[in-house]
Amino acid sequence: MRSFRTLAVVTAAAGAFALATPAAMATPAPSVPAAPSADAPQSAGPAKATPSKPVVATYRGKQIDLSRGWAGASVCTEVKGGAVYCHDSVAEADHALTTLDPAAALAVRAAKGADVADQGGQGGQVAQSTADCPSGWACLWGDANFSGLLLRWSEPGTKYLSDWSFRDRASSACVFRYSGDLTLYDDRTLQPDPSVYLSNGNCYNLTGLGYPYGGSWNDKADYIVL
């Protein structure tokens, strides 16, 4: 599993990505992003009338509304069934999975060995990496190179990042779902929403992924569809 993840990161970071229209697919092949055509077909994305709702997470035994901030947490994980738990470290979050989501805990062990899960959140913090996004999940990080604040999802659907205090904050991503992929969207006023498709089994530095109106996808994602 580790060798597969390493290959995925190297492949995804090989160069700029082709974006022919505001709805595009991120691919490993390096190319120069093209400006969107005014008459090109646009991605509609999810219905804008769909209301978002507060994401309530458990952190240090209390309930917090993530739309109002993370209250000091550094990792928030949506486990199977949709419940959300936040923790101070990846090691602590991974250990909690042994009770919250045993299947995910096994995936963590397979990705980086049993030692981290057995630490119980005690001891040194293991450096964040793509291994922090185990099989079955899609993940976003707040910084490039898979570091910083970490969001992990196991349930499909549309995730409005403002509900998670993560709008315009994502800088890297991994997609290791059991089925399906991930699409990032930028919510534009009076314009089509640019989107980019991230294929399953890969990791991406959004700082190197071309945005159709110029620049990169770094700090651009407003909502995602899994």
Protein backbone atom coordinates (compact mmCIF):
# COMPACT_ATOMS: atom_id res chain seq x y z
CA MET A 1 0.00 0.00 0.00
CA ARG A 2 2.81 2.44 0.88
CA SER A 3 4.53 1.94 -2.47
CA PHE A 4 1.21 2.56 -4.27
CA ARG A 5 0.67 5.79 -2.37
CA THR A 6 4.20 7.01 -3.09
CA LEU A 7 3.70 6.35 -6.80
CA ALA A 8 0.35 8.16 -6.70
CA VAL A 9 1.87 11.30 -5.16
CA VAL A 10 4.80 11.39 -7.59
CA THR A 11 2.46 10.84 -10.52
CA ALA A 12 -0.02 13.50 -9.46
CA ALA A 13 2.70 16.09 -8.82
CA ALA A 14 4.52 15.50 -12.13
CA GLY A 15 3.52 18.87 -13.59
CA ALA A 16 0.67 21.23 -14.47
CA PHE A 17 -2.68 19.71 -15.33
CA ALA A 18 -4.82 20.05 -18.47
CA LEU A 19 -7.88 22.25 -17.95
CA ALA A 20 -9.68 22.87 -21.23
CA THR A 21 -12.90 24.22 -19.71
CA PRO A 22 -14.05 25.28 -16.23
CA ALA A 23 -15.10 21.63 -15.74
CA ALA A 24 -11.90 19.65 -16.17
CA MET A 25 -10.11 16.50 -15.12
CA ALA A 26 -6.78 16.54 -13.30
CA THR A 27 -4.44 14.10 -15.02
CA PRO A 28 -0.79 13.16 -14.47
CA ALA A 29 0.23 14.33 -17.94
CA PRO A 30 2.03 17.72 -17.85
CA SER A 31 0.54 20.38 -20.09
CA VAL A 32 -0.25 24.09 -20.22
CA PRO A 33 -3.72 25.00 -18.91
CA ALA A 34 -5.95 26.62 -21.51
CA ALA A 35 -8.23 29.59 -20.89
CA PRO A 36 -11.92 28.61 -20.65
CA SER A 37 -13.97 29.14 -23.76
CA ALA A 38 -17.02 31.34 -23.41
CA ASP A 39 -19.19 28.91 -25.36
CA ALA A 40 -17.78 25.72 -23.85
CA PRO A 41 -20.16 23.47 -21.88
CA GLN A 42 -20.09 24.26 -18.19
CA SER A 43 -20.39 22.02 -15.16
CA ALA A 44 -23.63 22.68 -13.32
CA GLY A 45 -22.43 21.10 -10.07
CA PRO A 46 -24.99 20.33 -7.36
CA ALA A 47 -28.17 22.36 -7.22
CA LYS A 48 -27.38 25.72 -5.60
CA ALA A 49 -30.76 25.62 -3.88
CA THR A 50 -29.51 22.71 -1.76
CA PRO A 51 -29.15 24.17 1.73
CA SER A 52 -26.02 23.57 3.74
CA LYS A 53 -26.28 22.69 7.39
CA PRO A 54 -23.99 23.01 10.40
CA VAL A 55 -21.49 20.22 10.89
CA VAL A 56 -21.45 19.33 14.57
CA ALA A 57 -18.34 17.47 15.70
CA THR A 58 -17.23 15.90 18.97
CA TYR A 59 -13.98 17.39 20.29
CA ARG A 60 -12.59 16.75 23.76
CA GLY A 61 -15.96 15.39 24.87
CA LYS A 62 -17.87 18.49 23.76
CA GLN A 63 -19.95 19.36 20.70
CA ILE A 64 -18.57 22.08 18.43
CA ASP A 65 -20.04 23.68 15.31
CA LEU A 66 -17.27 23.44 12.73
CA SER A 67 -18.69 26.34 10.74
CA ARG A 68 -17.60 28.52 13.68
CA GLY A 69 -14.07 27.08 13.82
CA TRP A 70 -12.21 24.04 15.05
CA ALA A 71 -11.67 25.20 18.65
CA GLY A 72 -7.98 24.27 18.47
CA ALA A 73 -8.30 20.84 16.82
CA SER A 74 -5.98 19.92 13.94
CA VAL A 75 -7.70 16.84 12.47
CA CYS A 76 -11.42 16.30 11.84
CA THR A 77 -12.67 12.93 10.61
CA GLU A 78 -16.07 11.91 9.30
CA VAL A 79 -16.50 8.23 10.14
CA LYS A 80 -18.85 5.72 8.56
CA GLY A 81 -22.44 6.80 9.19
CA GLY A 82 -21.59 10.51 9.06
CA ALA A 83 -20.56 11.31 12.64
CA VAL A 84 -17.62 13.74 12.89
CA TYR A 85 -14.82 13.68 15.46
CA CYS A 86 -11.97 16.15 15.86
CA HIS A 87 -8.63 15.64 17.61
CA ASP A 88 -5.42 17.45 18.47
CA SER A 89 -3.15 15.16 16.43
CA VAL A 90 -3.24 12.54 13.70
CA ALA A 91 -1.96 9.90 16.11
CA GLU A 92 -4.82 10.66 18.52
CA ALA A 93 -7.37 10.63 15.70
CA ASP A 94 -6.08 7.31 14.37
CA HIS A 95 -6.20 5.69 17.79
CA ALA A 96 -9.81 6.83 18.25
CA LEU A 97 -10.74 4.99 15.06
CA THR A 98 -10.18 1.65 16.76
CA THR A 99 -13.49 2.29 18.55
CA LEU A 100 -15.25 4.74 16.21
CA ASP A 101 -14.60 2.98 12.90
CA PRO A 102 -12.70 -0.33 13.24
CA ALA A 103 -12.53 -0.90 9.47
CA ALA A 104 -10.90 2.50 9.00
CA ALA A 105 -8.48 1.74 11.84
CA LEU A 106 -7.39 -1.40 9.99
CA ALA A 107 -6.83 0.68 6.86
CA VAL A 108 -4.66 3.08 8.87
CA ARG A 109 -2.61 0.17 10.16
CA ALA A 110 -2.16 -1.15 6.65
CA ALA A 111 -1.08 2.28 5.42
CA LYS A 112 1.54 3.09 8.04
CA GLY A 113 1.87 0.18 10.43
CA ALA A 114 0.37 -0.64 13.78
CA ASP A 115 2.70 1.52 15.89
CA VAL A 116 0.85 4.83 15.38
CA ALA A 117 -2.58 3.39 16.19
CA ASP A 118 -1.14 1.71 19.29
CA GLN A 119 0.32 4.94 20.67
CA GLY A 120 -3.09 6.09 21.84
CA GLY A 121 -2.21 9.63 20.91
CA GLN A 122 0.70 9.57 23.36
CA GLY A 123 4.32 10.12 22.49
CA GLY A 124 5.74 11.99 19.53
CA GLN A 125 3.60 13.24 16.70
CA VAL A 126 4.25 11.40 13.46
CA ALA A 127 4.80 13.78 10.54
CA GLN A 128 1.74 14.19 8.38
CA SER A 129 1.80 12.48 5.01
CA THR A 130 -0.43 10.83 2.43
CA ALA A 131 -0.54 7.77 4.73
CA ASP A 132 -2.84 9.85 6.97
CA CYS A 133 -5.51 9.35 4.30
CA PRO A 134 -6.10 5.58 4.38
CA SER A 135 -8.14 3.43 2.03
CA GLY A 136 -11.83 4.33 2.00
CA TRP A 137 -11.40 8.08 2.47
CA ALA A 138 -10.99 11.37 0.63
CA CYS A 139 -8.88 14.01 2.37
CA LEU A 140 -8.01 17.69 2.17
CA TRP A 141 -5.10 19.43 3.88
CA GLY A 142 -4.77 23.12 4.66
CA ASP A 143 -1.15 23.29 3.47
CA ALA A 144 0.78 22.00 0.48
CA ASN A 145 2.64 18.68 0.61
CA PHE A 146 -0.07 17.05 2.73
CA SER A 147 0.44 19.01 5.93
CA GLY A 148 -1.49 21.42 8.12
CA LEU A 149 -5.14 21.07 9.14
CA LEU A 150 -6.59 17.78 7.89
CA LEU A 151 -10.16 16.87 6.89
CA ARG A 152 -11.06 13.23 6.20
CA TRP A 153 -14.38 11.99 4.77
CA SER A 154 -15.72 8.47 4.43
CA GLU A 155 -19.30 9.24 3.35
CA PRO A 156 -20.27 10.31 -0.20
CA GLY A 157 -22.18 13.50 -0.99
CA THR A 158 -21.69 17.23 -1.43
CA LYS A 159 -19.55 18.85 1.25
CA TYR A 160 -19.92 22.64 1.50
CA LEU A 161 -16.56 23.62 2.93
CA SER A 162 -17.89 26.73 4.69
CA ASP A 163 -19.75 24.28 6.97
CA TRP A 164 -16.35 22.85 7.91
CA SER A 165 -14.49 26.22 8.18
CA PHE A 166 -12.44 25.11 5.19
CA ARG A 167 -13.68 27.29 2.35
CA ASP A 168 -10.78 28.63 0.22
CA ARG A 169 -8.29 26.80 2.44
CA ALA A 170 -7.46 23.49 0.72
CA SER A 171 -3.90 23.19 -0.61
CA SER A 172 -3.48 19.43 -1.10
CA ALA A 173 -5.73 16.39 -1.46
CA CYS A 174 -5.80 12.60 -1.62
CA VAL A 175 -8.55 10.35 -2.97
CA PHE A 176 -8.43 6.73 -1.77
CA ARG A 177 -12.11 5.87 -1.79
CA TYR A 178 -13.44 2.35 -2.25
CA SER A 179 -15.46 3.62 -5.20
CA GLY A 180 -15.91 6.97 -6.89
CA ASP A 181 -13.74 10.03 -7.19
CA LEU A 182 -13.71 13.64 -5.98
CA THR A 183 -14.58 16.89 -7.75
CA LEU A 184 -13.56 20.30 -6.44
CA TYR A 185 -15.74 23.35 -7.21
CA ASP A 186 -15.15 27.07 -6.87
CA ASP A 187 -18.41 28.94 -6.27
CA ARG A 188 -18.35 31.95 -8.62
CA THR A 189 -20.91 34.76 -8.58
CA LEU A 190 -22.61 35.34 -11.96
CA GLN A 191 -20.20 32.87 -13.61
CA PRO A 192 -20.11 29.12 -14.11
CA ASP A 193 -18.46 27.32 -11.21
CA PRO A 194 -15.03 26.05 -12.31
CA SER A 195 -14.43 22.46 -11.28
CA VAL A 196 -11.67 19.92 -11.43
CA TYR A 197 -11.96 16.16 -11.23
CA LEU A 198 -9.50 14.30 -8.98
CA SER A 199 -9.31 10.63 -9.87
CA ASN A 200 -9.41 7.90 -7.25
CA GLY A 201 -6.09 6.44 -6.13
CA ASN A 202 -4.08 9.66 -6.41
CA CYS A 203 -2.81 12.58 -4.35
CA TYR A 204 -2.54 16.17 -5.55
CA ASN A 205 -0.74 19.36 -4.58
CA LEU A 206 -3.33 21.96 -5.51
CA THR A 207 -0.58 24.58 -5.72
CA GLY A 208 0.54 22.91 -8.95
CA LEU A 209 -2.88 22.23 -10.42
CA GLY A 210 -3.84 24.90 -12.97
CA TYR A 211 -6.99 26.96 -12.43
CA PRO A 212 -8.94 27.87 -15.62
CA TYR A 213 -9.05 31.62 -14.88
CA GLY A 214 -5.34 31.77 -14.08
CA GLY A 215 -3.18 30.70 -11.19
CA SER A 216 -3.70 27.41 -9.37
CA TRP A 217 -6.40 25.62 -7.39
CA ASN A 218 -4.64 26.49 -4.14
CA ASP A 219 -7.15 28.00 -1.67
CA LYS A 220 -9.91 27.96 -4.30
CA ALA A 221 -12.24 25.06 -3.37
CA ASP A 222 -15.63 26.10 -1.97
CA TYR A 223 -17.38 22.74 -2.09
CA ILE A 224 -16.62 19.18 -3.15
CA VAL A 225 -18.64 16.26 -4.47
CA LEU A 226 -17.76 12.69 -3.51
